[in-house]
Amino acid sequence: MVQMTYKPAFAKLLTQMVGEGRAAATAVSNDAHPLDITRAHPELVMLLRGQALFDLRGMGNANRAHAYYLNHICVIYPDGFSTGIEFVDKLLVEIHAMVHREALPRSVLKLITL
């Protein structure tokens, strides 16, 4: 995943947009509400959410990474969901496959998601 090397103000704005689920530009899909960033601009959402997931994994925190995946990626873009952007869809397939390969035992998952 690309390191966040852009200006901190831009990173803050993207984080706020993704956190609030809002965008101020036109949608990728005609049926997406232009202010729903998860549908209008999934590439921005996955830039931030994917980077956070890989950062957690890079720190060796598998439990937190898996919880983050469940709560911040899988909820928005479940396995098999299409964003309408081929690159983002391929990235999501890879992320879902990676997480499923490294799945934690159900007892651990219950504790994480409480």
N, C-alpha and C. Protein backbone atom coordinates (compact mmCIF):
# COMPACT_ATOMS: atom_id res chain seq x y z
N MET A 1 0.84 -1.18 0.00
CA MET A 1 0.00 0.00 0.00
C MET A 1 0.89 1.24 0.00
N VAL A 2 0.42 2.28 -0.61
CA VAL A 2 1.18 3.51 -0.73
C VAL A 2 1.25 4.21 0.63
N GLN A 3 2.44 4.65 1.00
CA GLN A 3 2.59 5.40 2.24
C GLN A 3 1.93 6.76 2.09
N MET A 4 1.39 7.28 3.17
CA MET A 4 0.75 8.58 3.11
C MET A 4 1.83 9.65 3.16
N THR A 5 2.25 10.09 1.96
CA THR A 5 3.33 11.07 1.86
C THR A 5 2.81 12.45 1.49
N TYR A 6 1.50 12.60 1.34
CA TYR A 6 0.95 13.90 1.01
C TYR A 6 0.86 14.77 2.26
N LYS A 7 0.47 16.00 2.07
CA LYS A 7 0.45 16.96 3.17
C LYS A 7 -0.50 16.54 4.29
N PRO A 8 -0.12 16.80 5.54
CA PRO A 8 -0.98 16.41 6.67
C PRO A 8 -2.39 17.00 6.59
N ALA A 9 -2.55 18.19 6.04
CA ALA A 9 -3.88 18.79 5.94
C ALA A 9 -4.77 17.95 5.02
N PHE A 10 -4.18 17.45 3.92
CA PHE A 10 -4.93 16.62 3.00
C PHE A 10 -5.29 15.29 3.66
N ALA A 11 -4.35 14.71 4.39
CA ALA A 11 -4.61 13.45 5.09
C ALA A 11 -5.74 13.65 6.11
N LYS A 12 -5.71 14.78 6.81
CA LYS A 12 -6.75 15.07 7.79
C LYS A 12 -8.12 15.20 7.11
N LEU A 13 -8.15 15.90 5.96
CA LEU A 13 -9.39 16.07 5.23
C LEU A 13 -9.93 14.73 4.75
N LEU A 14 -9.06 13.89 4.18
CA LEU A 14 -9.51 12.57 3.71
C LEU A 14 -10.01 11.73 4.88
N THR A 15 -9.30 11.77 5.99
CA THR A 15 -9.73 11.00 7.17
C THR A 15 -11.09 11.47 7.64
N GLN A 16 -11.31 12.77 7.66
CA GLN A 16 -12.59 13.33 8.08
C GLN A 16 -13.69 12.94 7.10
N MET A 17 -13.40 13.02 5.80
CA MET A 17 -14.39 12.65 4.80
C MET A 17 -14.80 11.20 4.93
N VAL A 18 -13.83 10.32 5.11
CA VAL A 18 -14.12 8.90 5.23
C VAL A 18 -14.84 8.62 6.54
N GLY A 19 -14.38 9.24 7.63
CA GLY A 19 -15.00 9.02 8.93
C GLY A 19 -16.45 9.46 8.96
N GLU A 20 -16.76 10.57 8.29
CA GLU A 20 -18.12 11.09 8.27
C GLU A 20 -18.92 10.53 7.10
N GLY A 21 -18.25 9.84 6.18
CA GLY A 21 -18.94 9.27 5.03
C GLY A 21 -19.39 10.32 4.04
N ARG A 22 -18.64 11.41 3.91
CA ARG A 22 -19.04 12.50 3.02
C ARG A 22 -17.98 12.83 2.00
N ALA A 23 -18.44 13.29 0.86
CA ALA A 23 -17.56 13.79 -0.19
C ALA A 23 -18.23 15.00 -0.82
N ALA A 24 -17.45 15.83 -1.47
CA ALA A 24 -18.00 17.04 -2.07
C ALA A 24 -17.82 17.05 -3.59
N ALA A 25 -17.60 15.90 -4.18
CA ALA A 25 -17.39 15.82 -5.63
C ALA A 25 -18.44 14.91 -6.24
N THR A 26 -18.37 14.73 -7.54
CA THR A 26 -19.36 13.89 -8.21
C THR A 26 -19.07 12.42 -7.95
N ALA A 27 -20.11 11.64 -8.04
CA ALA A 27 -20.01 10.21 -7.74
C ALA A 27 -19.43 9.42 -8.90
N VAL A 28 -18.78 8.32 -8.57
CA VAL A 28 -18.31 7.37 -9.57
C VAL A 28 -19.50 6.69 -10.22
N SER A 29 -20.44 6.32 -9.42
CA SER A 29 -21.64 5.62 -9.89
C SER A 29 -22.81 6.60 -9.95
N ASN A 30 -23.64 6.49 -10.97
CA ASN A 30 -24.79 7.39 -11.10
C ASN A 30 -25.82 7.19 -10.02
N ASP A 31 -25.89 5.97 -9.46
CA ASP A 31 -26.89 5.72 -8.43
C ASP A 31 -26.39 6.01 -7.01
N ALA A 32 -25.12 6.38 -6.88
CA ALA A 32 -24.57 6.71 -5.56
C ALA A 32 -24.88 8.16 -5.23
N HIS A 33 -25.27 8.40 -4.00
CA HIS A 33 -25.47 9.78 -3.55
C HIS A 33 -24.10 10.44 -3.52
N PRO A 34 -23.97 11.63 -4.12
CA PRO A 34 -22.63 12.24 -4.21
C PRO A 34 -21.98 12.56 -2.87
N LEU A 35 -22.74 12.60 -1.80
CA LEU A 35 -22.13 12.87 -0.49
C LEU A 35 -21.82 11.59 0.28
N ASP A 36 -22.16 10.43 -0.27
CA ASP A 36 -21.81 9.15 0.36
C ASP A 36 -20.46 8.71 -0.19
N ILE A 37 -19.41 9.04 0.50
CA ILE A 37 -18.05 8.78 -0.01
C ILE A 37 -17.77 7.29 -0.16
N THR A 38 -18.41 6.45 0.62
CA THR A 38 -18.16 5.01 0.50
C THR A 38 -18.61 4.47 -0.84
N ARG A 39 -19.61 5.09 -1.45
CA ARG A 39 -20.11 4.66 -2.76
C ARG A 39 -19.59 5.57 -3.88
N ALA A 40 -19.49 6.86 -3.60
CA ALA A 40 -19.08 7.81 -4.64
C ALA A 40 -17.58 7.75 -4.91
N HIS A 41 -16.79 7.54 -3.88
CA HIS A 41 -15.32 7.53 -4.01
C HIS A 41 -14.69 6.41 -3.19
N PRO A 42 -14.96 5.16 -3.57
CA PRO A 42 -14.39 4.05 -2.81
C PRO A 42 -12.87 4.03 -2.86
N GLU A 43 -12.27 4.62 -3.88
CA GLU A 43 -10.80 4.65 -3.96
C GLU A 43 -10.20 5.47 -2.81
N LEU A 44 -10.87 6.53 -2.39
CA LEU A 44 -10.39 7.33 -1.26
C LEU A 44 -10.58 6.57 0.05
N VAL A 45 -11.73 5.93 0.18
CA VAL A 45 -12.01 5.15 1.38
C VAL A 45 -10.98 4.04 1.54
N MET A 46 -10.73 3.32 0.45
CA MET A 46 -9.79 2.20 0.54
C MET A 46 -8.35 2.67 0.69
N LEU A 47 -8.03 3.85 0.21
CA LEU A 47 -6.70 4.40 0.43
C LEU A 47 -6.44 4.53 1.92
N LEU A 48 -7.38 5.09 2.64
CA LEU A 48 -7.22 5.28 4.08
C LEU A 48 -7.44 4.00 4.87
N ARG A 49 -8.52 3.30 4.59
CA ARG A 49 -8.83 2.09 5.36
C ARG A 49 -7.80 0.99 5.09
N GLY A 50 -7.41 0.84 3.83
CA GLY A 50 -6.40 -0.17 3.49
C GLY A 50 -5.07 0.13 4.13
N GLN A 51 -4.67 1.41 4.12
CA GLN A 51 -3.40 1.80 4.74
C GLN A 51 -3.42 1.51 6.24
N ALA A 52 -4.54 1.84 6.88
CA ALA A 52 -4.65 1.57 8.32
C ALA A 52 -4.57 0.08 8.61
N LEU A 53 -5.23 -0.74 7.77
CA LEU A 53 -5.17 -2.18 7.95
C LEU A 53 -3.74 -2.70 7.83
N PHE A 54 -3.04 -2.27 6.78
CA PHE A 54 -1.68 -2.74 6.57
C PHE A 54 -0.72 -2.20 7.63
N ASP A 55 -0.99 -1.01 8.14
CA ASP A 55 -0.17 -0.47 9.23
C ASP A 55 -0.31 -1.33 10.48
N LEU A 56 -1.55 -1.69 10.82
CA LEU A 56 -1.78 -2.55 11.99
C LEU A 56 -1.11 -3.91 11.81
N ARG A 57 -1.22 -4.46 10.63
CA ARG A 57 -0.58 -5.75 10.35
C ARG A 57 0.94 -5.61 10.42
N GLY A 58 1.47 -4.50 9.91
CA GLY A 58 2.91 -4.27 9.93
C GLY A 58 3.46 -4.13 11.34
N MET A 59 2.62 -3.66 12.26
CA MET A 59 3.04 -3.53 13.66
C MET A 59 2.93 -4.86 14.39
N GLY A 60 2.45 -5.89 13.69
CA GLY A 60 2.33 -7.21 14.30
C GLY A 60 1.11 -7.38 15.18
N ASN A 61 0.15 -6.50 15.04
CA ASN A 61 -1.04 -6.57 15.88
C ASN A 61 -2.18 -7.23 15.10
N ALA A 62 -2.12 -8.55 15.00
CA ALA A 62 -3.08 -9.31 14.20
C ALA A 62 -4.51 -9.17 14.70
N ASN A 63 -4.70 -9.15 16.01
CA ASN A 63 -6.04 -9.04 16.57
C ASN A 63 -6.69 -7.71 16.23
N ARG A 64 -5.96 -6.63 16.44
CA ARG A 64 -6.50 -5.30 16.10
C ARG A 64 -6.71 -5.15 14.60
N ALA A 65 -5.80 -5.71 13.80
CA ALA A 65 -5.93 -5.63 12.35
C ALA A 65 -7.19 -6.34 11.89
N HIS A 66 -7.44 -7.51 12.46
CA HIS A 66 -8.63 -8.26 12.07
C HIS A 66 -9.91 -7.53 12.51
N ALA A 67 -9.90 -6.99 13.71
CA ALA A 67 -11.05 -6.22 14.18
C ALA A 67 -11.28 -4.99 13.30
N TYR A 68 -10.20 -4.33 12.91
CA TYR A 68 -10.31 -3.18 12.03
C TYR A 68 -10.91 -3.59 10.69
N TYR A 69 -10.45 -4.70 10.15
CA TYR A 69 -10.99 -5.22 8.89
C TYR A 69 -12.50 -5.45 9.01
N LEU A 70 -12.93 -6.12 10.08
CA LEU A 70 -14.35 -6.42 10.26
C LEU A 70 -15.19 -5.16 10.43
N ASN A 71 -14.69 -4.21 11.22
CA ASN A 71 -15.48 -3.02 11.57
C ASN A 71 -15.39 -1.87 10.58
N HIS A 72 -14.33 -1.82 9.78
CA HIS A 72 -14.12 -0.65 8.92
C HIS A 72 -14.00 -0.95 7.44
N ILE A 73 -13.83 -2.20 7.07
CA ILE A 73 -13.74 -2.54 5.65
C ILE A 73 -14.87 -3.49 5.27
N CYS A 74 -14.96 -4.61 5.97
CA CYS A 74 -15.95 -5.63 5.63
C CYS A 74 -17.38 -5.13 5.79
N VAL A 75 -17.62 -4.28 6.75
CA VAL A 75 -18.97 -3.74 6.96
C VAL A 75 -19.41 -2.89 5.77
N ILE A 76 -18.48 -2.11 5.24
CA ILE A 76 -18.79 -1.22 4.11
C ILE A 76 -18.78 -1.97 2.79
N TYR A 77 -17.75 -2.80 2.60
CA TYR A 77 -17.57 -3.52 1.35
C TYR A 77 -17.45 -5.02 1.65
N PRO A 78 -18.59 -5.72 1.80
CA PRO A 78 -18.53 -7.15 2.11
C PRO A 78 -17.92 -7.95 0.96
N ASP A 79 -17.49 -9.14 1.26
CA ASP A 79 -16.90 -10.04 0.26
C ASP A 79 -17.87 -10.19 -0.90
N GLY A 80 -17.38 -9.97 -2.12
CA GLY A 80 -18.21 -10.09 -3.31
C GLY A 80 -18.86 -8.80 -3.75
N PHE A 81 -18.74 -7.74 -2.97
CA PHE A 81 -19.32 -6.44 -3.30
C PHE A 81 -18.49 -5.77 -4.40
N SER A 82 -19.14 -5.09 -5.32
CA SER A 82 -18.43 -4.36 -6.37
C SER A 82 -18.60 -2.86 -6.17
N THR A 83 -17.48 -2.15 -6.16
CA THR A 83 -17.50 -0.70 -6.00
C THR A 83 -17.73 0.01 -7.32
N GLY A 84 -17.55 -0.70 -8.42
CA GLY A 84 -17.66 -0.08 -9.74
C GLY A 84 -16.33 0.40 -10.28
N ILE A 85 -15.27 0.23 -9.49
CA ILE A 85 -13.92 0.61 -9.91
C ILE A 85 -13.08 -0.66 -9.88
N GLU A 86 -12.60 -1.07 -11.03
CA GLU A 86 -11.89 -2.34 -11.15
C GLU A 86 -10.71 -2.45 -10.20
N PHE A 87 -9.89 -1.41 -10.09
CA PHE A 87 -8.73 -1.44 -9.21
C PHE A 87 -9.14 -1.66 -7.76
N VAL A 88 -10.14 -0.94 -7.31
CA VAL A 88 -10.60 -1.06 -5.92
C VAL A 88 -11.18 -2.45 -5.69
N ASP A 89 -11.95 -2.95 -6.65
CA ASP A 89 -12.52 -4.29 -6.51
C ASP A 89 -11.43 -5.35 -6.40
N LYS A 90 -10.38 -5.23 -7.21
CA LYS A 90 -9.26 -6.18 -7.14
C LYS A 90 -8.57 -6.10 -5.79
N LEU A 91 -8.38 -4.88 -5.29
CA LEU A 91 -7.77 -4.69 -3.98
C LEU A 91 -8.62 -5.33 -2.89
N LEU A 92 -9.93 -5.13 -2.95
CA LEU A 92 -10.83 -5.72 -1.96
C LEU A 92 -10.78 -7.25 -2.00
N VAL A 93 -10.74 -7.83 -3.20
CA VAL A 93 -10.64 -9.29 -3.32
C VAL A 93 -9.36 -9.77 -2.64
N GLU A 94 -8.26 -9.07 -2.87
CA GLU A 94 -6.98 -9.45 -2.25
C GLU A 94 -7.04 -9.30 -0.74
N ILE A 95 -7.64 -8.23 -0.24
CA ILE A 95 -7.74 -8.02 1.21
C ILE A 95 -8.61 -9.10 1.84
N HIS A 96 -9.78 -9.37 1.25
CA HIS A 96 -10.67 -10.41 1.78
C HIS A 96 -9.95 -11.76 1.80
N ALA A 97 -9.25 -12.10 0.71
CA ALA A 97 -8.53 -13.38 0.64
C ALA A 97 -7.44 -13.46 1.70
N MET A 98 -6.69 -12.37 1.87
CA MET A 98 -5.62 -12.33 2.86
C MET A 98 -6.18 -12.55 4.26
N VAL A 99 -7.27 -11.88 4.57
CA VAL A 99 -7.86 -12.00 5.91
C VAL A 99 -8.42 -13.41 6.11
N HIS A 100 -9.06 -13.97 5.10
CA HIS A 100 -9.61 -15.32 5.24
C HIS A 100 -8.51 -16.36 5.41
N ARG A 101 -7.36 -16.17 4.75
CA ARG A 101 -6.23 -17.10 4.90
C ARG A 101 -5.69 -17.07 6.32
N GLU A 102 -5.74 -15.90 6.94
CA GLU A 102 -5.17 -15.72 8.27
C GLU A 102 -6.25 -15.61 9.33
N ALA A 103 -7.40 -16.21 9.08
CA ALA A 103 -8.54 -16.08 9.98
C ALA A 103 -8.19 -16.51 11.40
N LEU A 104 -8.67 -15.72 12.35
CA LEU A 104 -8.48 -16.02 13.77
C LEU A 104 -9.56 -16.98 14.24
N PRO A 105 -9.30 -17.73 15.30
CA PRO A 105 -10.33 -18.62 15.85
C PRO A 105 -11.56 -17.81 16.27
N ARG A 106 -12.74 -18.41 16.15
CA ARG A 106 -13.99 -17.72 16.48
C ARG A 106 -14.00 -17.18 17.92
N SER A 107 -13.40 -17.90 18.86
CA SER A 107 -13.38 -17.43 20.25
C SER A 107 -12.65 -16.10 20.38
N VAL A 108 -11.57 -15.93 19.61
CA VAL A 108 -10.84 -14.67 19.64
C VAL A 108 -11.63 -13.57 18.96
N LEU A 109 -12.30 -13.90 17.85
CA LEU A 109 -13.10 -12.91 17.12
C LEU A 109 -14.23 -12.36 17.99
N LYS A 110 -14.86 -13.23 18.78
CA LYS A 110 -15.95 -12.77 19.66
C LYS A 110 -15.43 -11.74 20.66
N LEU A 111 -14.26 -11.97 21.21
CA LEU A 111 -13.67 -11.04 22.18
C LEU A 111 -13.32 -9.71 21.52
N ILE A 112 -12.80 -9.76 20.30
CA ILE A 112 -12.36 -8.54 19.61
C ILE A 112 -13.54 -7.66 19.25
N THR A 113 -14.63 -8.25 18.77
CA THR A 113 -15.74 -7.48 18.24
C THR A 113 -16.75 -7.08 19.31
N LEU A 114 -16.51 -7.39 20.55
CA LEU A 114 -17.44 -6.97 21.62
C LEU A 114 -17.36 -5.50 21.86
